[in-house]
Protein backbone atom coordinates (compact mmCIF):
# COMPACT_ATOMS: atom_id res chain seq x y z
CA MET A 1 0.00 0.00 0.00
CA VAL A 2 1.41 3.38 -0.97
CA PHE A 3 0.41 6.43 1.04
CA LYS A 4 0.62 9.28 -1.36
CA ARG A 5 0.75 12.41 0.66
CA LEU A 6 1.98 13.65 4.00
CA LEU A 7 -0.58 16.07 5.32
CA GLY A 8 1.82 19.00 5.61
CA SER A 9 -0.52 21.42 7.32
CA LEU A 10 -0.93 18.90 10.13
CA GLY A 11 2.79 19.00 10.86
CA VAL A 12 5.69 16.62 10.43
CA GLY A 13 4.75 13.20 11.73
CA GLY A 14 1.07 13.71 11.03
CA PRO A 15 -1.23 11.10 9.46
CA THR A 16 -1.08 10.15 5.80
CA VAL A 17 -4.05 9.44 3.54
CA ASP A 18 -4.64 7.60 0.27
CA THR A 19 -8.03 7.39 -1.42
CA VAL A 20 -8.54 4.39 -3.71
CA LEU A 21 -11.57 4.33 -6.00
CA ASP A 22 -13.25 1.11 -7.01
CA PRO A 23 -11.96 -0.04 -10.40
CA GLY A 24 -13.80 0.80 -13.58
CA PRO A 25 -15.77 3.82 -14.78
CA VAL A 26 -18.93 5.01 -13.07
CA LEU A 27 -22.23 5.95 -14.73
CA PRO A 28 -23.79 9.41 -14.46
CA GLY A 29 -26.20 9.23 -11.54
CA GLY A 30 -24.52 6.01 -10.42
CA THR A 31 -22.65 5.05 -7.28
CA LEU A 32 -18.95 5.69 -6.90
CA GLY A 33 -17.34 3.45 -4.29
CA GLY A 34 -13.93 3.35 -2.74
CA GLN A 35 -11.88 3.45 0.44
CA VAL A 36 -9.96 6.14 2.25
CA HIS A 37 -6.83 4.55 3.71
CA LEU A 38 -5.36 6.33 6.72
CA LYS A 39 -2.07 5.73 8.51
CA GLY A 40 -1.43 7.31 11.86
CA GLY A 41 1.63 9.45 12.37
CA ASP A 42 3.90 9.62 15.41
CA ARG A 43 1.10 10.64 17.79
CA ASP A 44 -2.57 9.96 18.41
CA VAL A 45 -4.96 12.38 16.67
CA THR A 46 -8.70 12.86 16.32
CA ILE A 47 -9.97 12.68 12.73
CA GLU A 48 -12.75 15.24 12.80
CA HIS A 49 -13.94 14.95 9.23
CA ILE A 50 -13.19 13.13 5.98
CA GLY A 51 -14.63 14.83 2.93
CA LEU A 52 -14.62 14.04 -0.77
CA GLU A 53 -14.88 16.62 -3.55
CA LEU A 54 -15.71 16.02 -7.20
CA VAL A 55 -13.68 18.43 -9.31
CA ALA A 56 -13.57 19.20 -13.02
CA HIS A 57 -11.22 21.02 -15.38
CA VAL A 58 -13.31 23.67 -17.13
CA GLU A 59 -12.93 26.50 -19.61
CA ALA A 60 -14.49 29.94 -19.26
CA GLU A 61 -14.88 32.77 -21.75
CA HIS A 62 -14.45 36.34 -20.62
CA ASP A 63 -13.75 39.76 -22.12
CA ASP A 64 -10.03 39.10 -22.44
CA GLY A 65 -10.36 35.67 -24.00
CA GLU A 66 -10.50 32.28 -22.30
CA ALA A 67 -9.35 30.97 -18.94
CA GLU A 68 -9.05 27.48 -17.54
CA GLY A 69 -9.35 26.20 -13.99
CA THR A 70 -10.85 23.60 -11.70
CA VAL A 71 -14.34 23.71 -10.24
CA VAL A 72 -15.76 21.74 -7.33
CA PHE A 73 -19.14 20.41 -8.49
CA ASP A 74 -20.15 18.24 -5.53
CA ARG A 75 -19.08 17.43 -1.97
CA PHE A 76 -19.68 14.41 0.27
CA GLY A 77 -18.84 13.43 3.83
CA ALA A 78 -17.08 10.07 4.16
CA GLY A 79 -16.75 9.86 7.93
CA GLY A 80 -14.94 11.31 10.92
CA SER A 81 -15.14 11.82 14.67
CA PHE A 82 -12.81 8.97 15.59
CA ARG A 83 -9.40 8.58 17.17
CA LEU A 84 -6.49 7.48 14.95
CA ALA A 85 -3.66 6.05 17.05
CA ALA A 86 -0.02 6.55 16.23
CA GLY A 87 0.95 4.18 13.43
CA GLU A 88 -2.58 2.79 13.14
CA LEU A 89 -3.85 1.64 9.74
CA ARG A 90 -7.52 2.26 9.12
CA SER A 91 -9.69 2.11 6.00
CA VAL A 92 -12.92 4.04 5.69
CA PRO A 93 -15.23 2.75 2.92
CA PHE A 94 -17.57 5.09 1.08
CA GLY A 95 -20.25 5.03 -1.58
CA LEU A 96 -21.52 8.25 -3.11
CA THR A 97 -23.98 9.10 -5.85
CA VAL A 98 -22.43 11.24 -8.57
CA PRO A 99 -24.61 13.93 -10.18
CA TRP A 100 -26.69 12.94 -13.16
CA GLU A 101 -25.01 15.62 -15.27
CA THR A 102 -21.50 14.38 -14.52
CA PRO A 103 -19.68 14.57 -17.88
CA ILE A 104 -18.65 11.40 -19.64
CA THR A 105 -14.91 10.93 -19.95
CA GLU A 106 -14.72 7.86 -22.17
CA LEU A 107 -16.52 5.74 -24.73
CA HIS A 108 -15.58 2.08 -25.11
CA GLY A 109 -12.44 2.78 -23.10
CA GLN A 110 -11.32 5.64 -25.35
CA GLY A 111 -10.74 8.91 -23.53
CA LEU A 112 -12.55 12.04 -24.66
CA GLY A 113 -10.12 14.53 -23.15
CA ILE A 114 -12.38 15.40 -20.21
CA VAL A 115 -10.58 15.71 -16.87
CA LEU A 116 -12.50 14.85 -13.69
CA GLY A 117 -11.21 13.87 -10.28
CA VAL A 118 -11.96 13.05 -6.65
CA ARG A 119 -10.11 14.94 -3.97
CA THR A 120 -9.96 14.03 -0.29
CA ASP A 121 -10.15 16.57 2.54
CA LEU A 122 -9.07 15.66 6.04
CA ALA A 123 -9.71 17.73 9.18
CA VAL A 124 -7.61 17.00 12.26
CA ALA A 125 -7.67 19.10 15.44
CA GLY A 126 -9.01 22.13 13.63
CA ALA A 127 -6.48 21.93 10.79
CA LYS A 128 -7.55 20.97 7.27
CA ASP A 129 -5.57 19.58 4.38
CA LYS A 130 -6.56 18.70 0.85
CA GLY A 131 -5.10 15.47 -0.44
CA ASP A 132 -4.36 14.17 -3.91
CA ILE A 133 -6.76 14.24 -6.83
CA ASP A 134 -7.61 10.77 -8.07
CA PRO A 135 -8.80 10.56 -11.70
CA LEU A 136 -12.49 9.79 -12.13
CA ALA A 137 -13.64 7.85 -15.20
CA VAL A 138 -17.28 8.13 -16.32
CA ARG A 139 -18.86 6.05 -19.08
CA PRO A 140 -22.07 7.01 -20.87
CA LEU A 141 -25.56 5.92 -19.93
CA PRO A 142 -27.10 3.47 -22.42
CA VAL A 143 -29.14 6.23 -24.08
CA GLN A 144 -26.10 8.51 -24.33
CA GLU A 145 -24.08 5.70 -25.87
CA ALA A 146 -26.89 4.98 -28.35
CA VAL A 147 -26.90 8.60 -29.53
CA LEU A 148 -23.12 8.72 -29.87
CA GLU A 149 -23.00 5.43 -31.75
CA ALA A 150 -25.73 6.58 -34.11
CA LEU A 151 -23.81 9.77 -34.88
CA GLY A 152 -20.73 7.71 -35.67
CA GLN A 153 -22.67 5.35 -37.93
CA LEU A 154 -24.17 8.35 -39.71
CA GLY A 155 -20.67 9.56 -40.58
CA PHE A 156 -20.00 12.22 -37.97
CA GLY A 157 -16.46 12.34 -36.60
CA PHE A 158 -15.14 13.17 -33.17
CA ARG A 159 -13.05 16.34 -32.96
CA SER A 160 -12.76 17.22 -29.29
CA ALA A 161 -14.65 17.58 -26.03
CA ASP A 162 -14.45 20.13 -23.25
CA LEU A 163 -16.32 21.56 -20.29
CA GLU A 164 -17.68 25.10 -20.59
CA LEU A 165 -18.47 27.24 -17.58
CA GLY A 166 -21.99 28.65 -17.96
CA ARG A 167 -25.57 27.55 -18.43
CA ILE A 168 -27.80 26.60 -21.34
CA GLY A 169 -31.03 28.50 -20.83
CA GLY A 170 -34.34 26.72 -21.35
CA THR A 171 -32.99 23.42 -20.05
CA GLY A 172 -32.96 21.62 -16.73
CA GLN A 173 -29.22 22.09 -16.29
CA GLN A 174 -28.04 21.82 -12.68
CA LEU A 175 -24.24 21.97 -12.73
CA PRO A 176 -22.40 25.28 -13.26
CA PHE A 177 -20.84 23.95 -16.46
CA TYR A 178 -21.82 21.75 -19.40
CA GLN A 179 -19.98 19.34 -21.65
CA GLU A 180 -19.56 20.08 -25.35
CA ILE A 181 -18.65 17.24 -27.71
CA GLU A 182 -17.54 18.73 -31.02
CA LEU A 183 -18.18 16.68 -34.14
CA SER A 184 -17.17 17.07 -37.75
CA PRO A 185 -20.17 16.83 -40.09
CA SER A 186 -20.91 13.78 -42.14
CA PRO A 187 -20.37 14.10 -45.90
CA GLN A 188 -24.12 14.54 -46.33
CA TYR A 189 -24.09 17.76 -44.31
CA ALA A 190 -20.55 18.99 -44.85
CA HIS A 191 -21.66 21.65 -47.33
CA GLN A 192 -24.16 23.07 -44.84
CA VAL A 193 -22.40 23.07 -41.48
CA ASN A 194 -18.84 23.44 -40.24
CA GLU A 195 -19.36 21.63 -36.98
CA ILE A 196 -21.95 20.02 -34.71
CA GLU A 197 -21.73 20.49 -30.94
CA LEU A 198 -23.48 17.97 -28.69
CA THR A 199 -24.41 18.40 -25.02
CA PHE A 200 -26.07 15.81 -22.78
CA LEU A 201 -28.07 16.92 -19.73
CA ALA A 202 -29.14 13.76 -17.93
CA GLY A 203 -31.71 13.46 -15.16
CA PRO A 204 -33.55 10.64 -13.42
CA GLY A 205 -36.50 10.94 -15.79
CA GLY A 206 -34.65 11.15 -19.07
CA LEU A 207 -32.04 12.91 -21.14
CA GLU A 208 -31.95 16.30 -22.81
CA VAL A 209 -29.87 16.36 -25.98
CA VAL A 210 -28.78 19.83 -27.05
CA LEU A 211 -27.42 20.11 -30.59
CA GLU A 212 -25.78 23.22 -31.99
CA ALA A 213 -24.82 23.66 -35.63
CA ASP A 214 -22.15 26.08 -36.74
CA LYS A 215 -23.63 26.85 -40.14
CA ARG A 216 -21.69 27.79 -43.21
CA GLY A 217 -22.43 31.19 -44.66
CA GLY A 218 -23.31 31.71 -48.29
CA PHE A 219 -22.06 34.38 -50.70
CA PHE A 220 -24.77 36.83 -49.62
CA SER A 221 -25.14 35.77 -45.98
CA GLY A 222 -22.87 35.06 -43.08
CA GLY A 223 -22.84 31.90 -41.07
CA HIS A 224 -24.70 31.55 -37.78
CA ASP A 225 -25.37 29.08 -35.01
CA THR A 226 -28.61 27.18 -34.54
CA VAL A 227 -29.50 25.28 -31.35
CA ASN A 228 -32.17 22.58 -30.96
CA ARG A 229 -33.12 20.56 -27.90
CA PHE A 230 -34.53 17.01 -27.92
CA THR A 231 -35.67 14.88 -25.00
CA VAL A 232 -35.52 11.09 -24.73
CA GLY A 233 -36.21 8.53 -22.02
CA HIS A 234 -33.91 6.02 -20.39
CA HIS A 235 -36.05 2.97 -21.02
CA ASP A 236 -36.53 0.80 -24.11
CA VAL A 237 -33.26 2.06 -25.58
CA GLU A 238 -32.82 -1.12 -27.60
CA GLN A 239 -36.25 -0.75 -29.24
CA VAL A 240 -35.44 2.59 -30.91
CA ASP A 241 -33.97 3.00 -34.38
CA TRP A 242 -31.38 5.50 -33.20
CA ASN A 243 -29.84 6.06 -36.61
CA ALA A 244 -33.17 7.25 -37.96
CA GLU A 245 -33.97 9.16 -34.79
CA VAL A 246 -30.70 11.04 -34.61
CA ASP A 247 -30.70 11.70 -38.36
CA SER A 248 -34.11 13.36 -37.98
CA TRP A 249 -32.64 15.60 -35.28
CA ILE A 250 -29.75 16.61 -37.53
CA ARG A 251 -32.08 17.31 -40.45
CA SER A 252 -34.25 19.47 -38.23
CA LEU A 253 -31.19 21.35 -37.02
CA VAL A 254 -29.65 21.89 -40.43
CA GLU A 255 -32.87 22.72 -42.25
CA HIS A 256 -33.91 25.32 -39.71
CA ARG A 257 -33.78 28.73 -41.36
CA ALA A 258 -33.89 31.38 -38.68
CA SER A 259 -34.67 34.95 -39.65
CA TYR A 260 -32.87 36.37 -36.63
CA GLY A 261 -29.35 36.33 -38.05
CA HIS A 262 -26.62 35.33 -35.65
CA GLY A 263 -27.47 33.36 -32.55
CA ALA A 264 -30.80 31.97 -33.75
CA TYR A 265 -32.32 29.36 -31.46
CA ASP A 266 -35.05 26.88 -32.15
CA HIS A 267 -37.71 25.85 -29.66
CA GLY A 268 -37.26 22.54 -27.89
CA ALA A 269 -38.29 19.51 -29.89
CA HIS A 270 -39.37 16.11 -28.72
CA GLY A 271 -37.47 12.95 -29.49
CA HIS A 272 -39.03 9.64 -30.42
CA VAL A 273 -38.89 8.42 -26.82
CA PRO A 274 -41.09 10.63 -24.62
CA HIS A 275 -39.58 12.24 -21.56
CA PRO A 276 -41.72 11.31 -18.55
CA GLY A 277 -40.82 14.46 -16.63
CA GLY A 278 -39.36 14.30 -13.16
CA HIS A 279 -36.67 16.22 -11.38
CA TYR A 280 -33.04 16.84 -12.14
CA GLY A 281 -29.90 17.08 -10.10
CA HIS A 282 -30.76 17.70 -6.47
CA GLY A 283 -34.46 18.22 -6.99
CA ASP A 284 -34.94 21.34 -9.08
CA PRO A 285 -37.78 20.90 -11.54
CA TYR A 286 -37.20 20.09 -15.16
CA ALA A 287 -37.39 23.20 -17.29
CA GLY A 288 -40.22 22.03 -19.52
CA HIS A 289 -40.38 20.75 -23.07
CA GLY A 290 -41.28 23.99 -24.82
CA SER A 291 -38.40 26.09 -23.56
CA THR A 292 -35.93 27.81 -25.85
CA PRO A 293 -32.31 26.80 -25.31
CA HIS A 294 -29.58 29.40 -25.30
CA LYS A 295 -26.05 29.30 -23.97
CA ASP A 296 -24.86 31.72 -21.33
CA ALA A 297 -21.08 31.82 -21.14
CA HIS A 298 -21.10 33.75 -17.86
CA GLY A 299 -22.78 32.61 -15.71
CA HIS A 300 -32.25 10.24 -9.72
CA GLY A 301 -36.03 6.55 -12.01
CA ASP A 302 -33.08 4.40 -12.74
CA PRO A 303 -31.50 4.53 -16.18
CA HIS A 304 -28.76 2.14 -15.23
CA HIS A 305 -30.39 -0.91 -16.73
CA GLY A 306 -28.07 -2.92 -18.93
CA ASP A 307 -24.32 -2.91 -18.65
CA GLY A 308 -23.84 0.20 -20.77
CA HIS A 309 -20.85 -1.25 -22.58
CA GLY A 310 -22.47 -1.02 -25.98
CA HIS A 311 -24.98 -3.27 -27.69
CA ARG A 312 -24.83 -1.61 -31.09
CA SER A 313 -22.91 -3.04 -34.01
CA GLY A 314 -20.99 -1.42 -36.81
CA PRO A 315 -18.38 1.34 -36.83
CA GLY A 316 -19.80 3.99 -34.55
CA MET A 317 -18.54 6.93 -32.57
CA GLY A 318 -16.17 4.75 -30.57
CA THR A 319 -14.13 4.19 -33.72
CA ALA A 320 -14.18 7.89 -34.52
CA ILE A 321 -13.03 8.78 -31.01
CA ALA A 322 -10.19 6.28 -31.16
CA ALA A 323 -9.00 7.98 -34.33
CA GLY A 324 -9.48 11.55 -33.17
CA ALA A 325 -8.77 11.70 -29.46
CA ALA A 326 -5.00 11.47 -29.72
CA GLY A 327 -4.69 15.20 -30.32
CA VAL A 328 -6.84 16.30 -27.38
CA ALA A 329 -4.84 18.10 -24.72
CA VAL A 330 -5.76 17.26 -21.13
CA GLY A 331 -4.63 17.80 -17.61
CA VAL A 332 -3.17 21.29 -17.40
CA VAL A 333 -4.99 23.75 -15.19
CA GLY A 334 -4.57 27.42 -16.01
CA GLY A 335 -5.98 30.65 -14.60
CA MET A 336 -8.78 31.05 -12.14
CA VAL A 337 -12.37 30.97 -13.34
CA ALA A 338 -15.76 31.92 -11.94
CA ALA A 339 -17.98 29.68 -9.79
CA GLU A 340 -16.15 27.88 -7.00
CA VAL A 341 -12.55 27.42 -7.96
CA VAL A 342 -10.04 25.33 -6.07
CA ASP A 343 -6.33 26.01 -5.82
CA GLU A 344 -4.26 25.84 -8.97
CA VAL A 345 -2.03 22.87 -9.65
CA GLY A 346 0.54 22.27 -12.34
CA ASP A 347 -0.86 18.92 -13.42
CA PHE A 348 -4.36 17.84 -12.43
CA PHE A 349 -3.30 14.37 -11.31
CA GLU A 350 0.16 15.08 -9.91
CA ASP A 351 1.06 15.83 -6.31
CA ASP A 352 1.60 19.48 -5.43
CA ASP A 353 5.26 20.35 -5.28
CA GLU A 354 4.65 23.37 -3.07
CA ASP A 355 5.34 23.25 0.64
CA ASP A 356 2.09 23.20 2.57
CA GLY A 357 3.77 23.30 5.95
CA ASP A 358 3.02 26.96 6.60
CA ASP A 359 -0.70 26.63 5.94
CA ASP A 360 -3.16 26.48 8.79
């Protein structure tokens, strides 16, 4: 067993901590399990609190350009209020439910370039210290995987994925950021759009799919963006012809001719699988089917049936991601961003090199 980090703010000879997550990726809205391994230092101490934070590497647009940073998007208590003797080894198990909107980081084992992690906080005798960040892998829900695979089979290619700080109005979004998966258009639509951006907003009652098209401009008109929203349920995923369903979404998106110029948004549309309603995130009501989605840059039912590892055949989005993900840069945290930002680190998954001994 390797204990990764000496809790510097607790003094030399203080306890050490190592958080080990259960192997394998977790599903959005699913349970993340693991153990916090503690080793006592050279004296007895009282562990007042063990906390876990879910953190994400996000991008934010502002007047001077773009910034990058890390945002805490959920917190959990894993235990505390016990005595840890000098040299004692103790493991504290935990199981926590990750938010439904937790971004997906991989498809069929191929990384998308999304950086998520779990960080451990330990409070001892009034002093607090933040431990290492352990990488968190998240695989798609069956309905998310079905949509991605259909896009791949329709000829769309994976370009990149990132997390954008802000909210998409007219949706049930709960987290302070959203995931954008950028796709190159299929040959059928390449003359009409430059790029398709895909966002999933999952909830216990279903899934919102937000599609944005960066349209090509003609000789007499400039290009503009169009956004459509579609809602689908978690159940009966295998009974839907997803290629036909998703292709109808793309046609609706591309054929939409807004008279508003730049930034035209279409009203929410319904997918083939009806959304049964319900609540998202931590209980805020779903925004309603007829809302108009728009992106603001400033600013649990059980879908886990099936194993989620892919039941669709043919070359889908997994193949496209394997080919395109190699060039996606991950892991480096830059400047501070809005919302709740945690301290900067050089590499998201590396130990801090700075001396924490003078912190209280």
